[in-house]
């Protein structure tokens, strides 16, 4: 009788132990297999590297690229051509002023020569010599004015050419900026996809 009672107590203790183990196992399964459908995970690593940092809360933050962060070859070429265009415009202004001054000096000299020249009848050879000298002076003046005018026209053509090249480089620069923005947006999208996959892996591990 005593042996039967002892055996019954042992069976009850064994069943109680099994029930406790089953409850503990069920609780552990519940903790491990919890739903993560609408759960956000904020992971803070023990050591945050300056090269890699996992911050899931910043998943919608845009990456801003400021002007000057990237080397822009089109911008540098545009500055160079703008400098050349400004120098050409200054040369045109100087030559135009020289042309105006030259014409004004010639007009003043001609007027002064008329005022100071006495009215007298010159011999035939003197008249011919004076006429020849006057014709030479007029020819040289016309050549000087013609050369200056041609130089000014050439500089104007060069300015027009530089202006068209600047316009082309501005269009090329805008296209490069659009391509850089598109590439940056593509890289950001790929990074966000990779970060979401990393978050899912972290959720499964923890």
C-alpha atoms as a PDB file:
ATOM      1  CA  UNK A   1       0.000   0.000   0.000  1.00  0.00           C
ATOM      2  CA  UNK A   2       2.799   2.353   0.928  1.00  0.00           C
ATOM      3  CA  UNK A   3       4.626   1.458  -2.278  1.00  0.00           C
ATOM      4  CA  UNK A   4       1.535   2.179  -4.393  1.00  0.00           C
ATOM      5  CA  UNK A   5       1.111   5.595  -2.750  1.00  0.00           C
ATOM      6  CA  UNK A   6       4.783   6.432  -3.396  1.00  0.00           C
ATOM      7  CA  UNK A   7       4.487   5.348  -7.019  1.00  0.00           C
ATOM      8  CA  UNK A   8       1.386   7.522  -7.453  1.00  0.00           C
ATOM      9  CA  UNK A   9       3.197  10.554  -6.035  1.00  0.00           C
ATOM     10  CA  UNK A  10       6.129   9.969  -8.408  1.00  0.00           C
ATOM     11  CA  UNK A  11       3.774   9.783 -11.373  1.00  0.00           C
ATOM     12  CA  UNK A  12       2.054  13.022 -10.301  1.00  0.00           C
ATOM     13  CA  UNK A  13       5.425  14.777  -9.907  1.00  0.00           C
ATOM     14  CA  UNK A  14       6.534  13.557 -13.338  1.00  0.00           C
ATOM     15  CA  UNK A  15       3.292  14.736 -14.958  1.00  0.00           C
ATOM     16  CA  UNK A  16       3.599  18.125 -13.223  1.00  0.00           C
ATOM     17  CA  UNK A  17       7.164  18.457 -14.495  1.00  0.00           C
ATOM     18  CA  UNK A  18       6.056  17.584 -18.018  1.00  0.00           C
ATOM     19  CA  UNK A  19       3.215  20.107 -17.876  1.00  0.00           C
ATOM     20  CA  UNK A  20       5.620  22.788 -16.670  1.00  0.00           C
ATOM     21  CA  UNK A  21       8.032  21.961 -19.496  1.00  0.00           C
ATOM     22  CA  UNK A  22       5.223  22.086 -22.040  1.00  0.00           C
ATOM     23  CA  UNK A  23       4.037  25.468 -20.744  1.00  0.00           C
ATOM     24  CA  UNK A  24       7.588  26.805 -20.851  1.00  0.00           C
ATOM     25  CA  UNK A  25       8.086  25.477 -24.396  1.00  0.00           C
ATOM     26  CA  UNK A  26       4.794  26.983 -25.519  1.00  0.00           C
ATOM     27  CA  UNK A  27       5.753  30.351 -24.037  1.00  0.00           C
ATOM     28  CA  UNK A  28       9.123  30.247 -25.756  1.00  0.00           C
ATOM     29  CA  UNK A  29       7.500  29.417 -29.084  1.00  0.00           C
ATOM     30  CA  UNK A  30       5.100  32.317 -28.617  1.00  0.00           C
ATOM     31  CA  UNK A  31       8.001  34.676 -27.964  1.00  0.00           C
ATOM     32  CA  UNK A  32      10.020  33.430 -30.916  1.00  0.00           C
ATOM     33  CA  UNK A  33       7.183  33.215 -33.444  1.00  0.00           C
ATOM     34  CA  UNK A  34       5.558  36.566 -32.768  1.00  0.00           C
ATOM     35  CA  UNK A  35       4.006  38.517 -35.668  1.00  0.00           C
ATOM     36  CA  UNK A  36       6.267  41.123 -37.275  1.00  0.00           C
ATOM     37  CA  UNK A  37       3.924  42.370 -39.961  1.00  0.00           C
ATOM     38  CA  UNK A  38       3.501  45.952 -38.667  1.00  0.00           C
ATOM     39  CA  UNK A  39       6.489  46.123 -36.362  1.00  0.00           C
ATOM     40  CA  UNK A  40       9.331  48.617 -36.827  1.00  0.00           C
ATOM     41  CA  UNK A  41      12.749  47.749 -35.504  1.00  0.00           C
ATOM     42  CA  UNK A  42      15.202  50.359 -34.256  1.00  0.00           C
ATOM     43  CA  UNK A  43      18.668  48.815 -34.137  1.00  0.00           C
ATOM     44  CA  UNK A  44      21.458  50.536 -32.216  1.00  0.00           C
ATOM     45  CA  UNK A  45      24.783  48.716 -32.679  1.00  0.00           C
ATOM     46  CA  UNK A  46      27.267  48.627 -29.828  1.00  0.00           C
ATOM     47  CA  UNK A  47      29.858  50.484 -31.890  1.00  0.00           C
ATOM     48  CA  UNK A  48      28.676  52.882 -34.590  1.00  0.00           C
ATOM     49  CA  UNK A  49      31.188  52.975 -37.416  1.00  0.00           C
ATOM     50  CA  UNK A  50      31.796  56.233 -39.187  1.00  0.00           C
ATOM     51  CA  UNK A  51      31.599  54.342 -42.499  1.00  0.00           C
ATOM     52  CA  UNK A  52      28.490  52.190 -41.906  1.00  0.00           C
ATOM     53  CA  UNK A  53      25.581  53.069 -39.637  1.00  0.00           C
ATOM     54  CA  UNK A  54      22.183  51.352 -39.658  1.00  0.00           C
ATOM     55  CA  UNK A  55      19.417  53.870 -39.026  1.00  0.00           C
ATOM     56  CA  UNK A  56      16.064  52.441 -40.208  1.00  0.00           C
ATOM     57  CA  UNK A  57      14.127  55.497 -38.986  1.00  0.00           C
ATOM     58  CA  UNK A  58      15.763  57.642 -41.692  1.00  0.00           C
ATOM     59  CA  UNK A  59      14.524  55.503 -44.566  1.00  0.00           C
ATOM     60  CA  UNK A  60      12.598  58.378 -46.191  1.00  0.00           C
ATOM     61  CA  UNK A  61      15.292  61.017 -45.798  1.00  0.00           C
ATOM     62  CA  UNK A  62      16.435  62.491 -49.104  1.00  0.00           C
ATOM     63  CA  UNK A  63      20.120  62.814 -49.946  1.00  0.00           C
ATOM     64  CA  UNK A  64      20.996  66.394 -50.891  1.00  0.00           C
ATOM     65  CA  UNK A  65      23.890  67.105 -53.264  1.00  0.00           C
ATOM     66  CA  UNK A  66      25.053  70.684 -52.917  1.00  0.00           C
ATOM     67  CA  UNK A  67      26.569  72.681 -55.756  1.00  0.00           C
ATOM     68  CA  UNK A  68      30.329  72.240 -55.719  1.00  0.00           C
ATOM     69  CA  UNK A  69      30.305  68.780 -54.104  1.00  0.00           C
ATOM     70  CA  UNK A  70      31.040  67.133 -57.454  1.00  0.00           C
ATOM     71  CA  UNK A  71      33.585  68.215 -60.056  1.00  0.00           C
ATOM     72  CA  UNK A  72      31.752  69.715 -63.010  1.00  0.00           C
ATOM     73  CA  UNK A  73      33.843  69.807 -66.198  1.00  0.00           C
ATOM     74  CA  UNK A  74      31.145  71.687 -68.108  1.00  0.00           C
ATOM     75  CA  UNK A  75      31.094  74.401 -65.425  1.00  0.00           C
ATOM     76  CA  UNK A  76      34.863  74.887 -65.673  1.00  0.00           C
ATOM     77  CA  UNK A  77      34.763  75.075 -69.473  1.00  0.00           C
ATOM     78  CA  UNK A  78      31.862  77.528 -69.259  1.00  0.00           C
ATOM     79  CA  UNK A  79      33.909  79.814 -66.976  1.00  0.00           C
ATOM     80  CA  UNK A  80      36.850  79.646 -69.392  1.00  0.00           C
ATOM     81  CA  UNK A  81      34.759  80.645 -72.405  1.00  0.00           C
ATOM     82  CA  UNK A  82      33.057  83.414 -70.445  1.00  0.00           C
ATOM     83  CA  UNK A  83      36.488  84.844 -69.629  1.00  0.00           C
ATOM     84  CA  UNK A  84      37.518  84.726 -73.302  1.00  0.00           C
ATOM     85  CA  UNK A  85      34.249  86.380 -74.325  1.00  0.00           C
ATOM     86  CA  UNK A  86      34.753  89.209 -71.820  1.00  0.00           C
ATOM     87  CA  UNK A  87      38.304  89.792 -73.086  1.00  0.00           C
ATOM     88  CA  UNK A  88      37.079  89.913 -76.696  1.00  0.00           C
ATOM     89  CA  UNK A  89      34.380  92.424 -75.769  1.00  0.00           C
ATOM     90  CA  UNK A  90      36.972  94.619 -74.075  1.00  0.00           C
ATOM     91  CA  UNK A  91      39.182  94.464 -77.186  1.00  0.00           C
ATOM     92  CA  UNK A  92      36.232  95.471 -79.373  1.00  0.00           C
ATOM     93  CA  UNK A  93      35.474  98.420 -77.088  1.00  0.00           C
ATOM     94  CA  UNK A  94      39.127  99.570 -77.160  1.00  0.00           C
ATOM     95  CA  UNK A  95      39.351  99.295 -80.957  1.00  0.00           C
ATOM     96  CA  UNK A  96      36.073 101.144 -81.430  1.00  0.00           C
ATOM     97  CA  UNK A  97      37.333 103.935 -79.197  1.00  0.00           C
ATOM     98  CA  UNK A  98      40.620 104.063 -81.150  1.00  0.00           C
ATOM     99  CA  UNK A  99      38.665 104.277 -84.396  1.00  0.00           C
ATOM    100  CA  UNK A 100      36.533 107.135 -83.085  1.00  0.00           C
ATOM    101  CA  UNK A 101      39.602 108.972 -81.762  1.00  0.00           C
ATOM    102  CA  UNK A 102      41.467 108.508 -85.056  1.00  0.00           C
ATOM    103  CA  UNK A 103      38.584 109.859 -87.123  1.00  0.00           C
ATOM    104  CA  UNK A 104      38.124 112.782 -84.742  1.00  0.00           C
ATOM    105  CA  UNK A 105      41.856 113.663 -84.857  1.00  0.00           C
ATOM    106  CA  UNK A 106      41.850 113.525 -88.660  1.00  0.00           C
ATOM    107  CA  UNK A 107      38.813 115.804 -88.838  1.00  0.00           C
ATOM    108  CA  UNK A 108      40.389 118.277 -86.405  1.00  0.00           C
ATOM    109  CA  UNK A 109      43.714 118.265 -88.293  1.00  0.00           C
ATOM    110  CA  UNK A 110      41.926 118.810 -91.575  1.00  0.00           C
ATOM    111  CA  UNK A 111      39.953 121.739 -90.135  1.00  0.00           C
ATOM    112  CA  UNK A 112      43.098 123.240 -88.580  1.00  0.00           C
ATOM    113  CA  UNK A 113      44.995 122.857 -91.851  1.00  0.00           C
ATOM    114  CA  UNK A 114      42.257 124.749 -93.689  1.00  0.00           C
ATOM    115  CA  UNK A 115      42.321 127.584 -91.154  1.00  0.00           C
ATOM    116  CA  UNK A 116      46.104 127.986 -91.131  1.00  0.00           C
ATOM    117  CA  UNK A 117      46.754 127.579 -94.879  1.00  0.00           C
ATOM    118  CA  UNK A 118      47.206 130.986 -96.645  1.00  0.00           C
ATOM    119  CA  UNK A 119      45.356 131.573 -99.861  1.00  0.00           C
ATOM    120  CA  UNK A 120      47.954 131.842-102.603  1.00  0.00           C
ATOM    121  CA  UNK A 121      48.644 130.545-106.034  1.00  0.00           C
ATOM    122  CA  UNK A 122      51.306 127.913-105.935  1.00  0.00           C
ATOM    123  CA  UNK A 123      53.498 126.867-108.769  1.00  0.00           C
ATOM    124  CA  UNK A 124      52.447 123.814-110.662  1.00  0.00           C
ATOM    125  CA  UNK A 125      54.997 121.540-109.077  1.00  0.00           C
ATOM    126  CA  UNK A 126      54.137 122.694-105.535  1.00  0.00           C
ATOM    127  CA  UNK A 127      50.426 122.115-106.113  1.00  0.00           C
ATOM    128  CA  UNK A 128      51.148 118.669-107.483  1.00  0.00           C
ATOM    129  CA  UNK A 129      53.373 117.831-104.503  1.00  0.00           C
ATOM    130  CA  UNK A 130      50.784 119.084-102.003  1.00  0.00           C
ATOM    131  CA  UNK A 131      48.039 117.122-103.754  1.00  0.00           C
ATOM    132  CA  UNK A 132      50.197 114.004-103.753  1.00  0.00           C
ATOM    133  CA  UNK A 133      50.960 114.338-100.021  1.00  0.00           C
ATOM    134  CA  UNK A 134      47.275 114.925 -99.260  1.00  0.00           C
ATOM    135  CA  UNK A 135      46.287 111.864-101.293  1.00  0.00           C
ATOM    136  CA  UNK A 136      48.888 109.758 -99.468  1.00  0.00           C
ATOM    137  CA  UNK A 137      47.606 110.947 -96.083  1.00  0.00           C
ATOM    138  CA  UNK A 138      44.013 110.266 -97.085  1.00  0.00           C
ATOM    139  CA  UNK A 139      44.962 106.807 -98.374  1.00  0.00           C
ATOM    140  CA  UNK A 140      46.802 105.946 -95.150  1.00  0.00           C
ATOM    141  CA  UNK A 141      43.867 107.181 -93.071  1.00  0.00           C
ATOM    142  CA  UNK A 142      41.429 105.133 -95.133  1.00  0.00           C
ATOM    143  CA  UNK A 143      43.641 102.062 -94.782  1.00  0.00           C
ATOM    144  CA  UNK A 144      43.878 102.560 -91.016  1.00  0.00           C
ATOM    145  CA  UNK A 145      40.121 102.979 -90.687  1.00  0.00           C
ATOM    146  CA  UNK A 146      39.529 100.004 -92.986  1.00  0.00           C
ATOM    147  CA  UNK A 147      41.910  97.804 -90.970  1.00  0.00           C
ATOM    148  CA  UNK A 148      40.286  98.822 -87.699  1.00  0.00           C
ATOM    149  CA  UNK A 149      36.824  98.176 -89.134  1.00  0.00           C
ATOM    150  CA  UNK A 150      37.868  94.740 -90.388  1.00  0.00           C
ATOM    151  CA  UNK A 151      39.392  93.910 -87.009  1.00  0.00           C
ATOM    152  CA  UNK A 152      36.213  94.989 -85.252  1.00  0.00           C
ATOM    153  CA  UNK A 153      34.099  92.844 -87.590  1.00  0.00           C
ATOM    154  CA  UNK A 154      36.348  89.848 -86.946  1.00  0.00           C
ATOM    155  CA  UNK A 155      36.049  90.350 -83.192  1.00  0.00           C
ATOM    156  CA  UNK A 156      32.267  90.643 -83.493  1.00  0.00           C
ATOM    157  CA  UNK A 157      32.180  87.354 -85.405  1.00  0.00           C
ATOM    158  CA  UNK A 158      34.411  85.784 -82.761  1.00  0.00           C
ATOM    159  CA  UNK A 159      32.097  87.085 -80.020  1.00  0.00           C
ATOM    160  CA  UNK A 160      29.095  85.599 -81.797  1.00  0.00           C
ATOM    161  CA  UNK A 161      30.897  82.265 -82.126  1.00  0.00           C
ATOM    162  CA  UNK A 162      31.855  82.282 -78.435  1.00  0.00           C
ATOM    163  CA  UNK A 163      28.279  83.175 -77.484  1.00  0.00           C
ATOM    164  CA  UNK A 164      26.937  80.191 -79.431  1.00  0.00           C
ATOM    165  CA  UNK A 165      29.558  77.917 -77.840  1.00  0.00           C
ATOM    166  CA  UNK A 166      28.571  79.191 -74.392  1.00  0.00           C
ATOM    167  CA  UNK A 167      24.938  78.425 -75.159  1.00  0.00           C
ATOM    168  CA  UNK A 168      25.901  74.914 -76.226  1.00  0.00           C
ATOM    169  CA  UNK A 169      27.947  74.365 -73.075  1.00  0.00           C
ATOM    170  CA  UNK A 170      25.087  75.616 -70.894  1.00  0.00           C
ATOM    171  CA  UNK A 171      22.781  73.063 -72.528  1.00  0.00           C
ATOM    172  CA  UNK A 172      25.420  70.347 -72.076  1.00  0.00           C
ATOM    173  CA  UNK A 173      25.869  71.369 -68.432  1.00  0.00           C
ATOM    174  CA  UNK A 174      22.117  71.133 -67.803  1.00  0.00           C
ATOM    175  CA  UNK A 175      22.030  67.666 -69.391  1.00  0.00           C
ATOM    176  CA  UNK A 176      24.936  66.533 -67.197  1.00  0.00           C
ATOM    177  CA  UNK A 177      23.185  67.843 -64.083  1.00  0.00           C
ATOM    178  CA  UNK A 178      19.992  66.008 -65.037  1.00  0.00           C
ATOM    179  CA  UNK A 179      21.955  62.775 -65.563  1.00  0.00           C
ATOM    180  CA  UNK A 180      23.732  63.185 -62.210  1.00  0.00           C
ATOM    181  CA  UNK A 181      20.417  63.751 -60.414  1.00  0.00           C
ATOM    182  CA  UNK A 182      18.924  60.678 -62.105  1.00  0.00           C
ATOM    183  CA  UNK A 183      21.933  58.536 -61.135  1.00  0.00           C
ATOM    184  CA  UNK A 184      21.830  59.828 -57.558  1.00  0.00           C
ATOM    185  CA  UNK A 185      18.110  59.042 -57.330  1.00  0.00           C
ATOM    186  CA  UNK A 186      18.755  55.532 -58.692  1.00  0.00           C
ATOM    187  CA  UNK A 187      21.542  54.904 -56.145  1.00  0.00           C
ATOM    188  CA  UNK A 188      19.335  56.160 -53.298  1.00  0.00           C
ATOM    189  CA  UNK A 189      16.534  53.836 -54.409  1.00  0.00           C
ATOM    190  CA  UNK A 190      18.906  50.850 -54.507  1.00  0.00           C
ATOM    191  CA  UNK A 191      20.259  51.750 -51.076  1.00  0.00           C
ATOM    192  CA  UNK A 192      16.734  51.961 -49.615  1.00  0.00           C
ATOM    193  CA  UNK A 193      15.898  48.521 -51.048  1.00  0.00           C
ATOM    194  CA  UNK A 194      19.095  47.064 -49.575  1.00  0.00           C
ATOM    195  CA  UNK A 195      18.374  48.686 -46.206  1.00  0.00           C
ATOM    196  CA  UNK A 196      14.839  47.277 -46.123  1.00  0.00           C
ATOM    197  CA  UNK A 197      16.194  43.797 -46.864  1.00  0.00           C
ATOM    198  CA  UNK A 198      18.765  44.247 -44.102  1.00  0.00           C
ATOM    199  CA  UNK A 199      16.020  45.282 -41.670  1.00  0.00           C
ATOM    200  CA  UNK A 200      14.036  42.153 -42.513  1.00  0.00           C
ATOM    201  CA  UNK A 201      17.093  39.978 -41.876  1.00  0.00           C
ATOM    202  CA  UNK A 202      17.697  41.725 -38.540  1.00  0.00           C
ATOM    203  CA  UNK A 203      14.061  41.177 -37.544  1.00  0.00           C
ATOM    204  CA  UNK A 204      14.326  37.469 -38.320  1.00  0.00           C
ATOM    205  CA  UNK A 205      17.559  37.119 -36.333  1.00  0.00           C
ATOM    206  CA  UNK A 206      16.285  38.935 -33.258  1.00  0.00           C
END
